[in-house]
């Protein structure tokens, strides 16, 4: 019980500033153009993304295999 109360208090403190923020208007639904086309510079960058390579491999019926060392 004490642990749960403690976590709830931590959560309230963390969300206090979020709830007190009156600068931004909260949305009730997504913007009407949320699914519109990407700006050209993002579309160009997306052409060489891992997701695009995996999609192309999936459409060909191949198993995409990529190695990424970070």
C-alpha atoms as a PDB file:
ATOM      1  CA  UNK A   1       0.000   0.000   0.000  1.00  0.00           C
ATOM      2  CA  UNK A   2       2.786   2.440   0.901  1.00  0.00           C
ATOM      3  CA  UNK A   3       4.629   1.661  -2.322  1.00  0.00           C
ATOM      4  CA  UNK A   4       1.547   2.312  -4.427  1.00  0.00           C
ATOM      5  CA  UNK A   5       0.872   5.595  -2.623  1.00  0.00           C
ATOM      6  CA  UNK A   6       4.488   6.640  -3.103  1.00  0.00           C
ATOM      7  CA  UNK A   7       4.356   5.887  -6.832  1.00  0.00           C
ATOM      8  CA  UNK A   8       1.073   7.769  -7.215  1.00  0.00           C
ATOM      9  CA  UNK A   9       2.603  10.813  -5.507  1.00  0.00           C
ATOM     10  CA  UNK A  10       5.650  10.634  -7.807  1.00  0.00           C
ATOM     11  CA  UNK A  11       3.339  10.467 -10.796  1.00  0.00           C
ATOM     12  CA  UNK A  12       1.350  13.476  -9.612  1.00  0.00           C
ATOM     13  CA  UNK A  13       4.532  15.519  -9.157  1.00  0.00           C
ATOM     14  CA  UNK A  14       5.773  14.494 -12.604  1.00  0.00           C
ATOM     15  CA  UNK A  15       2.494  15.386 -14.323  1.00  0.00           C
ATOM     16  CA  UNK A  16       1.844  18.595 -12.368  1.00  0.00           C
ATOM     17  CA  UNK A  17       3.628  20.843 -14.901  1.00  0.00           C
ATOM     18  CA  UNK A  18       1.979  19.036 -17.803  1.00  0.00           C
ATOM     19  CA  UNK A  19      -1.484  19.610 -16.408  1.00  0.00           C
ATOM     20  CA  UNK A  20      -0.731  23.217 -15.443  1.00  0.00           C
ATOM     21  CA  UNK A  21       0.465  24.104 -18.958  1.00  0.00           C
ATOM     22  CA  UNK A  22      -2.052  26.486 -20.481  1.00  0.00           C
ATOM     23  CA  UNK A  23       0.101  27.543 -23.438  1.00  0.00           C
ATOM     24  CA  UNK A  24      -0.901  24.674 -25.719  1.00  0.00           C
ATOM     25  CA  UNK A  25      -4.456  23.811 -26.626  1.00  0.00           C
ATOM     26  CA  UNK A  26      -5.176  20.122 -26.122  1.00  0.00           C
ATOM     27  CA  UNK A  27      -6.477  18.271 -29.177  1.00  0.00           C
ATOM     28  CA  UNK A  28      -9.666  16.266 -29.241  1.00  0.00           C
ATOM     29  CA  UNK A  29      -8.835  14.683 -32.619  1.00  0.00           C
ATOM     30  CA  UNK A  30      -5.875  14.558 -35.011  1.00  0.00           C
ATOM     31  CA  UNK A  31      -5.352  17.385 -37.528  1.00  0.00           C
ATOM     32  CA  UNK A  32      -7.307  17.009 -40.773  1.00  0.00           C
ATOM     33  CA  UNK A  33      -4.102  16.677 -42.840  1.00  0.00           C
ATOM     34  CA  UNK A  34      -2.278  14.270 -40.508  1.00  0.00           C
ATOM     35  CA  UNK A  35      -1.945  11.644 -43.240  1.00  0.00           C
ATOM     36  CA  UNK A  36      -0.887  13.999 -46.032  1.00  0.00           C
ATOM     37  CA  UNK A  37       2.210  13.569 -48.187  1.00  0.00           C
ATOM     38  CA  UNK A  38       5.609  14.053 -46.596  1.00  0.00           C
ATOM     39  CA  UNK A  39       7.656  17.151 -47.366  1.00  0.00           C
ATOM     40  CA  UNK A  40      10.092  16.453 -50.245  1.00  0.00           C
ATOM     41  CA  UNK A  41      13.210  16.446 -48.048  1.00  0.00           C
ATOM     42  CA  UNK A  42      11.743  13.833 -45.710  1.00  0.00           C
ATOM     43  CA  UNK A  43      10.477  11.700 -48.623  1.00  0.00           C
ATOM     44  CA  UNK A  44      13.968  11.776 -50.167  1.00  0.00           C
ATOM     45  CA  UNK A  45      15.584  10.747 -46.889  1.00  0.00           C
ATOM     46  CA  UNK A  46      13.027   7.946 -46.404  1.00  0.00           C
ATOM     47  CA  UNK A  47      14.065   6.317 -49.705  1.00  0.00           C
ATOM     48  CA  UNK A  48      17.258   5.050 -48.094  1.00  0.00           C
ATOM     49  CA  UNK A  49      15.729   4.028 -44.769  1.00  0.00           C
ATOM     50  CA  UNK A  50      15.853   0.531 -43.311  1.00  0.00           C
ATOM     51  CA  UNK A  51      12.061   0.398 -43.372  1.00  0.00           C
ATOM     52  CA  UNK A  52      12.031   1.057 -47.130  1.00  0.00           C
ATOM     53  CA  UNK A  53      14.637  -1.673 -47.759  1.00  0.00           C
ATOM     54  CA  UNK A  54      12.708  -4.150 -45.616  1.00  0.00           C
ATOM     55  CA  UNK A  55       9.454  -3.292 -47.415  1.00  0.00           C
ATOM     56  CA  UNK A  56      11.063  -3.818 -50.835  1.00  0.00           C
ATOM     57  CA  UNK A  57      12.533  -7.150 -49.732  1.00  0.00           C
ATOM     58  CA  UNK A  58       9.181  -8.236 -48.323  1.00  0.00           C
ATOM     59  CA  UNK A  59       7.400  -7.365 -51.577  1.00  0.00           C
ATOM     60  CA  UNK A  60       9.924  -9.494 -53.494  1.00  0.00           C
ATOM     61  CA  UNK A  61       9.373 -12.375 -51.068  1.00  0.00           C
ATOM     62  CA  UNK A  62      12.941 -12.199 -49.787  1.00  0.00           C
ATOM     63  CA  UNK A  63      13.987 -12.192 -46.165  1.00  0.00           C
ATOM     64  CA  UNK A  64      15.728  -8.901 -45.451  1.00  0.00           C
ATOM     65  CA  UNK A  65      18.951  -9.296 -43.529  1.00  0.00           C
ATOM     66  CA  UNK A  66      20.771  -6.230 -42.300  1.00  0.00           C
ATOM     67  CA  UNK A  67      23.514  -5.874 -39.743  1.00  0.00           C
ATOM     68  CA  UNK A  68      23.796  -2.668 -37.792  1.00  0.00           C
ATOM     69  CA  UNK A  69      26.621  -2.077 -35.354  1.00  0.00           C
ATOM     70  CA  UNK A  70      26.142   0.831 -33.026  1.00  0.00           C
END
